[in-house]
Each structure stands twice: as structure tokens, then as C-alpha cells.
């Protein structure tokens, strides 16, 4: 799967993700071929681009959990948009507590990893979808770190509204995001800070919500200006928000640059412990499927191969079948392969891979199952062991 910007779309391209209109009505199913009318719809909806299947690429399998995840993203985006509007006009957010409750119920109690899937974004909804995804990631991470429910609620509330100030950033400044001047960056930071006024006025009885947003924004500014204070105090909520915000920002489609693969994003977070808390980054790795059996990868020595088994102790060191000589390499054997790990995934940026697990186990004589129970089997089975216990109830979507 590849990301293709709006201007580069061509007739006949196969859709990796469905296209909905602004009312949530399905217009084009995934794996359907893009038509001239479809391209015009993308332009009319101001969609930044589309995820496209390559010519010989099979359609990634979808479990029931995956389907409900994407439906939840779509429905909740409109709920966030309405809440931000009410916050700006009336200093109220009556439905935010309900949305927080749904996110906690669906993603803040899971005992297995999930397929974290990026959604299509337009110029009009990119901030809402970003905030929703950050909130979902915060729920996953905070649960993995055993954060108390009250703190988890504050964090997810903050995640849902932390970017409200970005709605006022001038379009000409946003257009320079790929190569911003120092003045552009200061302007964006100023509008982010102004947005905290809406947060303070709306959530005056929840001071921790604003505090988390301010601490995270202060840390981002320090990173940008190169004046990080190693002794600066940050709440665990702000540290989680920092990691979730960065991960979604660089893996999501945007108009300025190609999205980063999830494994590259994780590598970045792990390689910058002075900026992003390592414990939080590890909790993120333990929450989402990254290198499931069947995905193709490039190693740090340039070798290419197929992941056979995940390594629960180090996501970057799975068991790999190399393409050059069909040898099985267990990167977790530090004495032999300590210098070697996964550099990036190849081609696809979707973490759902169609693979016959039975055939793989028979061929390689090992358990090819993912430690996190990902939905990488071709039969579209549910993600994780016992995942149905915490799956989204379709009836809950009616609340939005």
C-alpha cells in the first residue's frame, strides 16, 4: 500500500481504503478502481490523498475489530467537530465526557494489541481526526502503564481538545509546515497556546486537562528550539501525550510529506529518549501491532526478508526469512546478530498482512503467531486472544 497525493491520482488505481462522503455515506469500497468521477470527488471533498494498493498487492484482511475501529474513527470525528465548535462559541463541551467514556471502554481496557489504522483526512477534518487518534493512543498507552482511571480520563479529555487552537492558524502559515521559518513555527505555537484559553474556560473544574496540554506544548517548543531542560518536570500525562501526538503526526497522511511507516516512527521515538519518554514509547510498542508475521522488511544491513515470528522483547528483532538465501535469521540472538535489526517495512504501510499461518507453521516448524494476537491471518479473524471481550459494541456508536 502506498500513499498518493491528490494531484497524482490516476484512473484505475485500486483503493486500499473506502471513501465516504461528509455524511458518512459509503461512496467507494476498498479494492474498487478509481474512476474519473472518484478523482473529482477527492478534489471536491478536499481529501489530502488516498491510500492505494499496488497492482499485484492483495487486499489486507479486515477483522470485525478492524471494521469497528475505522467506523469509530469516522463517526467520532463529527462528534469532535461539534464539541470544538461548542467550546469556541459557548465554552461548553457537553458530549466530551461521553466520548471519553467510549474511548476508555473500547481502547483503555484491552488485553491485546490492536491494528492502529490511519484514516483518510481532508483539510477540513485533519485536526479532528488527529486529536481522536491521539486520544485512542493515549487510552492504549495509559492502560498499558496502569494509569489510574481519573488520570486516564483527564489525559484522554486533553488529547481530544489539545489542538483546538490550530483551527485559527492562517492557511499560508500551515502551507509552510514542510519547511517552516522560525517565524512560522512561533506563529503556530502562539495559536496553540491561545487554544488553551478555550480548554481552561471549558474545563475549569479539571485543571489537569490544561496543565497536560501546556506541559506537552512547552516540551515541543523546547525540542524545536534546541533548549531542552533535562530537569524540567512533566506529568506522566504530558509524556504520554507527547509520544501519542508525535506518532500520529508522522504516520498520518499530510499535504507536506510522505507518511512515515509505523516501524520508522517507533524507531524515531526510541532513538530520542531525551525528547520522548522511553517507558511511554515501550508502552506504545506493546499496544499496537507493528511487525506481524508475513510482512516484508528491510534490515539495517540492506538485506530484505519476511517476518516469521515477532520478538516480544524487542520489536525491531523478529525472526526473519531472508530473500537472498532463504535462511532463517533470529535477530533476537544478540551474540550472533546483535548489530542487526529491522530498518523499515517494505512497500506496505498497512499492518494487516494476508498470510496462511498454518502453512507458515508447517513450513518453518515454529509458532508463527504474533505475541500480540494481530489480525494478520487471511481469514479475517479477530485481533488478539479474548479480544471480543472488549470489542466495540456497534450499538454504542449510536451515541454519536
Protein backbone atom coordinates (compact mmCIF):
# COMPACT_ATOMS: atom_id res chain seq x y z
CA UNK A 1 0.00 0.00 0.00
CA UNK A 2 1.28 3.45 -0.90
CA UNK A 3 0.08 6.97 -0.19
CA UNK A 4 -0.70 9.03 -3.30
CA UNK A 5 -1.35 12.74 -3.02
CA UNK A 6 -4.49 14.18 -4.58
CA UNK A 7 -2.68 15.71 -7.58
CA UNK A 8 -1.06 12.37 -8.53
CA UNK A 9 -4.16 10.16 -8.54
CA UNK A 10 -4.92 8.30 -11.77
CA UNK A 11 -7.87 6.32 -13.09
CA UNK A 12 -7.60 2.58 -12.48
CA UNK A 13 -5.75 2.83 -9.18
CA UNK A 14 -7.09 0.38 -6.57
CA UNK A 15 -8.35 1.84 -3.32
CA UNK A 16 -6.81 0.49 -0.13
CA UNK A 17 -9.38 2.30 2.00
CA UNK A 18 -13.04 3.16 1.33
CA UNK A 19 -14.16 6.70 0.54
CA UNK A 20 -17.10 8.21 2.42
CA UNK A 21 -18.89 11.48 1.80
CA UNK A 22 -19.13 14.15 4.51
CA UNK A 23 -22.26 12.50 5.90
CA UNK A 24 -20.54 9.16 6.32
CA UNK A 25 -22.21 7.51 3.31
CA UNK A 26 -20.00 4.94 1.56
CA UNK A 27 -19.12 6.09 -1.96
CA UNK A 28 -16.31 3.75 -2.98
CA UNK A 29 -15.47 0.40 -1.38
CA UNK A 30 -11.85 -0.62 -0.87
CA UNK A 31 -10.27 -2.59 -3.72
CA UNK A 32 -12.52 -0.77 -6.21
CA UNK A 33 -10.80 1.01 -9.09
CA UNK A 34 -10.58 4.76 -9.05
CA UNK A 35 -12.67 6.44 -11.76
CA UNK A 36 -12.64 9.97 -13.14
CA UNK A 37 -15.71 10.67 -11.01
CA UNK A 38 -13.90 9.29 -7.96
CA UNK A 39 -10.93 11.58 -8.55
CA UNK A 40 -13.31 14.52 -8.85
CA UNK A 41 -14.91 13.50 -5.54
CA UNK A 42 -11.49 13.51 -3.87
CA UNK A 43 -10.93 17.05 -5.16
CA UNK A 44 -14.41 18.19 -4.09
CA UNK A 45 -14.00 16.75 -0.59
CA UNK A 46 -10.53 18.33 -0.35
CA UNK A 47 -9.05 14.97 0.67
CA UNK A 48 -5.27 15.25 1.02
CA UNK A 49 -4.69 11.97 -0.82
CA UNK A 50 -5.58 8.29 -0.90
CA UNK A 51 -4.01 5.02 0.21
CA UNK A 52 -3.61 2.94 -2.95
CA UNK A 53 -2.95 -0.78 -3.42
CA UNK A 54 -0.08 -1.60 -5.74
CA UNK A 55 -1.05 -3.60 -8.88
CA UNK A 56 -0.20 -7.09 -7.55
CA UNK A 57 -0.80 -6.36 -3.87
CA UNK A 58 -3.52 -8.44 -2.16
CA UNK A 59 -6.20 -6.67 -0.19
CA UNK A 60 -5.27 -6.65 3.53
CA UNK A 61 -7.71 -8.72 5.61
CA UNK A 62 -10.17 -6.97 7.90
CA UNK A 63 -11.31 -8.40 11.22
CA UNK A 64 -14.54 -7.28 12.87
CA UNK A 65 -12.41 -5.27 15.30
CA UNK A 66 -10.68 -3.50 12.39
CA UNK A 67 -14.01 -2.63 10.79
CA UNK A 68 -15.38 -1.21 14.03
CA UNK A 69 -12.14 0.70 14.65
CA UNK A 70 -12.42 2.52 11.32
CA UNK A 71 -16.16 3.10 11.81
CA UNK A 72 -15.47 4.54 15.26
CA UNK A 73 -12.88 6.90 13.75
CA UNK A 74 -15.35 8.12 11.15
CA UNK A 75 -18.32 8.64 13.46
CA UNK A 76 -16.33 10.21 16.29
CA UNK A 77 -14.70 12.78 14.01
CA UNK A 78 -18.04 14.54 13.57
CA UNK A 79 -18.65 14.43 17.32
CA UNK A 80 -15.30 16.15 17.99
CA UNK A 81 -16.03 18.78 15.36
CA UNK A 82 -19.30 19.68 17.09
CA UNK A 83 -17.65 19.76 20.52
CA UNK A 84 -14.90 22.11 19.35
CA UNK A 85 -17.50 24.40 17.82
CA UNK A 86 -19.45 24.50 21.09
CA UNK A 87 -16.27 25.10 23.08
CA UNK A 88 -15.36 28.09 20.91
CA UNK A 89 -18.86 29.58 20.95
CA UNK A 90 -20.19 28.73 24.42
CA UNK A 91 -17.24 27.42 26.47
CA UNK A 92 -19.04 24.10 26.79
CA UNK A 93 -18.33 20.53 25.69
CA UNK A 94 -21.36 18.52 26.85
CA UNK A 95 -20.54 15.34 24.94
CA UNK A 96 -16.80 15.12 25.58
CA UNK A 97 -17.27 13.04 28.78
CA UNK A 98 -19.37 10.54 26.83
CA UNK A 99 -16.75 10.31 24.08
CA UNK A 100 -14.00 9.87 26.66
CA UNK A 101 -16.02 7.06 28.25
CA UNK A 102 -16.40 5.31 24.90
CA UNK A 103 -12.68 5.56 24.17
CA UNK A 104 -11.81 4.17 27.60
CA UNK A 105 -14.31 1.34 27.17
CA UNK A 106 -13.09 0.39 23.71
CA UNK A 107 -9.34 1.05 23.93
CA UNK A 108 -8.45 1.76 27.54
CA UNK A 109 -9.01 -1.75 28.88
CA UNK A 110 -7.68 -4.07 26.18
CA UNK A 111 -5.57 -7.11 26.96
CA UNK A 112 -4.19 -7.44 23.45
CA UNK A 113 -2.53 -5.35 20.75
CA UNK A 114 -4.63 -3.63 18.09
CA UNK A 115 -4.15 -2.73 14.46
CA UNK A 116 -3.81 1.04 14.64
CA UNK A 117 -5.06 2.17 11.23
CA UNK A 118 -4.74 5.66 9.80
CA UNK A 119 -7.87 7.15 8.21
CA UNK A 120 -8.27 9.36 5.15
CA UNK A 121 -8.01 13.05 6.01
CA UNK A 122 -9.15 16.27 4.39
CA UNK A 123 -8.15 19.87 5.02
CA UNK A 124 -11.38 20.32 6.95
CA UNK A 125 -11.14 17.34 9.30
CA UNK A 126 -7.40 16.71 9.76
CA UNK A 127 -7.20 18.34 13.21
CA UNK A 128 -10.27 16.46 14.48
CA UNK A 129 -9.00 13.10 13.22
CA UNK A 130 -5.55 13.75 14.63
CA UNK A 131 -6.97 14.56 18.07
CA UNK A 132 -9.17 11.45 18.02
CA UNK A 133 -6.26 9.18 17.12
CA UNK A 134 -4.07 10.77 19.78
CA UNK A 135 -6.85 10.13 22.32
CA UNK A 136 -7.09 6.46 21.27
CA UNK A 137 -3.32 6.05 21.54
CA UNK A 138 -3.35 7.74 24.95
CA UNK A 139 -6.02 5.26 26.09
CA UNK A 140 -3.95 2.29 24.90
CA UNK A 141 -0.69 3.54 26.40
CA UNK A 142 -2.15 4.69 29.73
CA UNK A 143 -3.82 1.32 30.23
CA UNK A 144 -0.57 -0.49 29.49
CA UNK A 145 1.13 1.73 32.10
CA UNK A 146 -1.61 1.10 34.69
CA UNK A 147 -2.57 4.76 34.98
CA UNK A 148 -5.44 5.42 37.38
CA UNK A 149 -8.85 5.88 35.76
CA UNK A 150 -9.21 9.52 36.91
CA UNK A 151 -5.83 10.42 35.41
CA UNK A 152 -6.67 8.44 32.28
CA UNK A 153 -9.90 10.42 31.85
CA UNK A 154 -8.04 13.73 32.22
CA UNK A 155 -5.44 12.62 29.68
CA UNK A 156 -7.94 11.45 27.07
CA UNK A 157 -10.01 14.62 27.54
CA UNK A 158 -6.85 16.67 26.95
CA UNK A 159 -5.97 14.63 23.86
CA UNK A 160 -9.39 15.26 22.34
CA UNK A 161 -9.09 19.05 22.65
CA UNK A 162 -5.35 19.84 22.82
CA UNK A 163 -5.16 21.04 19.20
CA UNK A 164 -8.25 23.28 19.19
CA UNK A 165 -6.10 26.39 18.73
CA UNK A 166 -4.80 25.09 15.39
CA UNK A 167 -8.14 25.90 13.77
CA UNK A 168 -7.09 29.56 13.75
CA UNK A 169 -3.63 29.13 12.21
CA UNK A 170 -3.53 31.15 8.95
CA UNK A 171 -3.63 28.93 5.89
CA UNK A 172 -0.47 30.47 4.43
CA UNK A 173 1.44 29.51 7.58
CA UNK A 174 0.11 25.93 7.52
CA UNK A 175 1.21 25.61 3.90
CA UNK A 176 4.81 26.16 5.02
CA UNK A 177 4.73 23.31 7.52
CA UNK A 178 7.14 21.18 5.44
CA UNK A 179 9.83 23.85 5.64
CA UNK A 180 8.66 26.45 8.17
CA UNK A 181 10.60 29.54 9.07
CA UNK A 182 11.24 30.27 12.73
CA UNK A 183 8.52 32.91 12.47
CA UNK A 184 6.06 30.33 11.08
CA UNK A 185 6.82 27.97 13.95
CA UNK A 186 6.39 30.73 16.50
CA UNK A 187 3.06 31.68 14.90
CA UNK A 188 1.77 28.11 15.08
CA UNK A 189 2.91 27.82 18.70
CA UNK A 190 1.12 31.08 19.52
CA UNK A 191 -2.20 29.81 18.18
CA UNK A 192 -1.77 26.51 20.01
CA UNK A 193 -1.28 28.47 23.24
CA UNK A 194 -4.32 30.64 22.53
CA UNK A 195 -6.34 27.46 22.23
CA UNK A 196 -5.56 26.67 25.84
CA UNK A 197 -7.92 29.50 26.79
CA UNK A 198 -10.84 27.52 25.36
CA UNK A 199 -9.65 24.49 27.32
CA UNK A 200 -9.33 26.44 30.56
CA UNK A 201 -12.75 28.07 30.23
CA UNK A 202 -14.49 24.84 29.25
CA UNK A 203 -12.80 22.55 31.74
CA UNK A 204 -12.35 24.96 34.65
CA UNK A 205 -13.16 22.15 37.10
CA UNK A 206 -10.47 19.92 35.53
CA UNK A 207 -7.23 21.99 35.74
CA UNK A 208 -5.11 18.96 34.90
CA UNK A 209 -6.50 18.95 31.35
CA UNK A 210 -4.97 22.34 30.55
CA UNK A 211 -1.81 21.52 32.52
CA UNK A 212 -1.11 18.41 30.44
CA UNK A 213 -1.59 20.33 27.18
CA UNK A 214 0.66 23.19 28.32
CA UNK A 215 3.45 20.94 29.51
CA UNK A 216 3.46 18.98 26.26
CA UNK A 217 3.42 22.15 24.17
CA UNK A 218 6.28 23.63 26.22
CA UNK A 219 8.30 20.45 25.64
CA UNK A 220 7.64 20.53 21.88
CA UNK A 221 8.79 24.15 21.75
CA UNK A 222 11.96 23.28 23.67
CA UNK A 223 12.68 20.43 21.25
CA UNK A 224 12.18 22.75 18.27
CA UNK A 225 14.42 25.46 19.69
CA UNK A 226 17.06 23.01 20.88
CA UNK A 227 16.98 24.11 24.52
CA UNK A 228 15.61 21.06 26.31
CA UNK A 229 15.93 21.17 30.07
CA UNK A 230 16.71 17.63 31.31
CA UNK A 231 15.45 18.61 34.76
CA UNK A 232 12.12 20.03 33.58
CA UNK A 233 9.19 18.42 35.37
CA UNK A 234 6.48 16.82 33.27
CA UNK A 235 3.47 14.85 34.38
CA UNK A 236 3.10 11.30 33.10
CA UNK A 237 0.04 12.51 31.18
CA UNK A 238 2.11 15.08 29.28
CA UNK A 239 4.76 12.45 28.48
CA UNK A 240 2.10 10.11 27.08
CA UNK A 241 0.51 12.93 25.08
CA UNK A 242 3.92 13.80 23.61
CA UNK A 243 4.51 10.26 22.34
CA UNK A 244 0.96 9.76 21.03
CA UNK A 245 0.93 13.15 19.30
CA UNK A 246 4.28 12.58 17.58
CA UNK A 247 3.45 9.04 16.49
CA UNK A 248 0.15 10.02 14.86
CA UNK A 249 1.57 13.20 13.33
CA UNK A 250 4.32 11.46 11.39
CA UNK A 251 2.42 8.31 10.38
CA UNK A 252 -0.73 10.08 9.12
CA UNK A 253 -1.28 11.36 5.61
CA UNK A 254 -0.48 15.05 5.22
CA UNK A 255 -0.05 17.56 2.43
CA UNK A 256 3.60 18.32 3.11
CA UNK A 257 5.45 14.98 3.14
CA UNK A 258 5.07 11.24 2.71
CA UNK A 259 3.77 9.49 5.83
CA UNK A 260 6.36 7.68 7.92
CA UNK A 261 5.85 3.95 8.43
CA UNK A 262 4.83 2.88 11.92
CA UNK A 263 8.07 1.00 12.50
CA UNK A 264 10.13 4.05 11.47
CA UNK A 265 8.04 6.22 13.79
CA UNK A 266 8.66 3.83 16.70
CA UNK A 267 12.36 3.74 15.91
CA UNK A 268 12.44 7.54 15.99
CA UNK A 269 10.76 7.65 19.39
CA UNK A 270 13.08 5.01 20.83
CA UNK A 271 16.15 6.75 19.41
CA UNK A 272 15.28 10.07 21.09
CA UNK A 273 14.84 9.22 24.78
CA UNK A 274 15.84 12.74 25.77
CA UNK A 275 12.74 14.04 23.95
CA UNK A 276 10.23 11.19 24.29
CA UNK A 277 9.99 9.10 27.44
CA UNK A 278 11.32 5.57 26.78
CA UNK A 279 8.86 3.89 29.13
CA UNK A 280 5.95 5.53 27.30
CA UNK A 281 7.41 4.59 23.90
CA UNK A 282 7.76 0.97 25.07
CA UNK A 283 4.11 1.00 26.20
CA UNK A 284 3.13 2.19 22.72
CA UNK A 285 5.07 -0.69 21.17
CA UNK A 286 3.27 -3.10 23.49
CA UNK A 287 -0.13 -1.69 22.46
CA UNK A 288 -0.16 -1.89 18.65
CA UNK A 289 0.76 -4.47 16.02
CA UNK A 290 3.90 -3.46 14.16
CA UNK A 291 5.79 -6.39 12.59
CA UNK A 292 3.25 -9.16 12.19
CA UNK A 293 4.18 -12.46 10.53
CA UNK A 294 4.00 -12.12 6.76
CA UNK A 295 5.15 -8.53 6.39
CA UNK A 296 8.28 -7.79 4.37
CA UNK A 297 11.10 -5.80 5.92
CA UNK A 298 14.48 -4.30 5.18
CA UNK A 299 17.24 -4.94 7.70
CA UNK A 300 19.89 -2.45 8.75
CA UNK A 301 22.46 -4.25 6.55
CA UNK A 302 20.28 -3.81 3.44
CA UNK A 303 19.05 -7.42 3.41
CA UNK A 304 15.36 -7.95 2.70
CA UNK A 305 13.15 -10.61 4.22
CA UNK A 306 9.84 -11.88 5.51
CA UNK A 307 8.86 -11.72 9.19
CA UNK A 308 8.09 -15.20 10.53
CA UNK A 309 7.71 -14.50 14.24
CA UNK A 310 7.60 -11.35 16.34
CA UNK A 311 10.03 -10.82 19.19
CA UNK A 312 8.03 -9.80 22.29
CA UNK A 313 11.18 -8.44 23.97
CA UNK A 314 12.35 -6.24 21.08
CA UNK A 315 10.03 -5.33 18.22
CA UNK A 316 12.99 -4.50 15.96
CA UNK A 317 14.46 -8.01 16.25
CA UNK A 318 11.93 -10.59 14.94
CA UNK A 319 12.66 -13.93 13.29
CA UNK A 320 13.10 -13.26 9.56
CA UNK A 321 13.33 -15.39 6.42
CA UNK A 322 15.92 -13.67 4.21
CA UNK A 323 15.19 -13.40 0.49
CA UNK A 324 18.80 -13.68 -0.67
CA UNK A 325 19.41 -17.24 0.53
CA UNK A 326 16.15 -18.37 2.22
CA UNK A 327 17.87 -18.63 5.59
CA UNK A 328 16.03 -18.12 8.88
CA UNK A 329 17.59 -15.38 10.98
CA UNK A 330 16.60 -14.90 14.61
CA UNK A 331 17.61 -11.29 15.21
CA UNK A 332 16.92 -11.79 18.91
CA UNK A 333 20.11 -13.84 19.22
CA UNK A 334 22.25 -10.94 20.38
CA UNK A 335 25.59 -12.79 20.31
CA UNK A 336 25.17 -13.51 16.60
CA UNK A 337 23.00 -10.68 15.29
CA UNK A 338 23.42 -8.00 17.94
CA UNK A 339 24.40 -5.44 15.29
CA UNK A 340 21.37 -6.20 13.11
CA UNK A 341 17.70 -5.26 13.35
CA UNK A 342 14.78 -4.10 11.21
CA UNK A 343 15.31 -0.79 9.46
CA UNK A 344 11.81 -0.45 7.98
CA UNK A 345 8.89 -2.28 6.43
CA UNK A 346 8.85 -2.62 2.66
CA UNK A 347 6.15 -1.23 0.38
CA UNK A 348 3.09 -1.56 2.54
CA UNK A 349 2.21 0.85 5.37
CA UNK A 350 -0.71 -1.28 6.49
CA UNK A 351 -0.01 -3.60 9.42
CA UNK A 352 -2.55 -6.21 8.30
CA UNK A 353 -0.98 -8.90 6.14
CA UNK A 354 -2.75 -11.80 4.46
CA UNK A 355 -0.84 -14.94 5.44
CA UNK A 356 -1.73 -18.58 5.94
CA UNK A 357 -0.48 -19.20 9.48
CA UNK A 358 -0.95 -22.96 9.24
CA UNK A 359 1.21 -23.15 6.12
CA UNK A 360 3.86 -20.96 7.72
CA UNK A 361 4.00 -23.08 10.86
CA UNK A 362 4.19 -26.25 8.79
CA UNK A 363 6.89 -24.84 6.53
CA UNK A 364 9.15 -23.42 9.22
CA UNK A 365 8.29 -25.75 12.09
CA UNK A 366 7.60 -22.97 14.53
CA UNK A 367 4.78 -20.97 16.04
CA UNK A 368 4.26 -18.03 13.71
CA UNK A 369 1.62 -16.43 15.90
CA UNK A 370 2.13 -12.82 16.94
CA UNK A 371 2.65 -12.26 20.64
CA UNK A 372 0.06 -9.55 20.47
CA UNK A 373 -2.52 -11.61 18.59
CA UNK A 374 -2.73 -9.41 15.49
CA UNK A 375 -5.29 -9.95 12.76
CA UNK A 376 -2.77 -10.97 10.15
CA UNK A 377 -4.47 -14.19 9.13
CA UNK A 378 -6.18 -14.36 5.82
CA UNK A 379 -9.45 -15.45 7.35
CA UNK A 380 -10.08 -12.05 8.92
CA UNK A 381 -10.13 -13.45 12.47
CA UNK A 382 -10.41 -11.17 15.48
CA UNK A 383 -7.25 -9.50 16.79
CA UNK A 384 -5.82 -10.93 19.97
CA UNK A 385 -6.74 -13.66 22.37
CA UNK A 386 -10.01 -12.93 24.05
CA UNK A 387 -10.29 -9.66 22.13
CA UNK A 388 -14.04 -9.96 21.76
CA UNK A 389 -14.48 -9.25 25.45
CA UNK A 390 -13.58 -5.62 24.85
CA UNK A 391 -14.64 -5.15 21.23
CA UNK A 392 -16.65 -2.10 20.28
CA UNK A 393 -20.37 -2.57 20.60
CA UNK A 394 -21.95 -1.26 17.38
CA UNK A 395 -24.88 -0.01 19.44
CA UNK A 396 -22.52 2.34 21.26
CA UNK A 397 -21.82 4.18 18.01
CA UNK A 398 -25.41 5.40 18.02
CA UNK A 399 -24.45 7.70 20.92
CA UNK A 400 -22.66 9.91 18.47
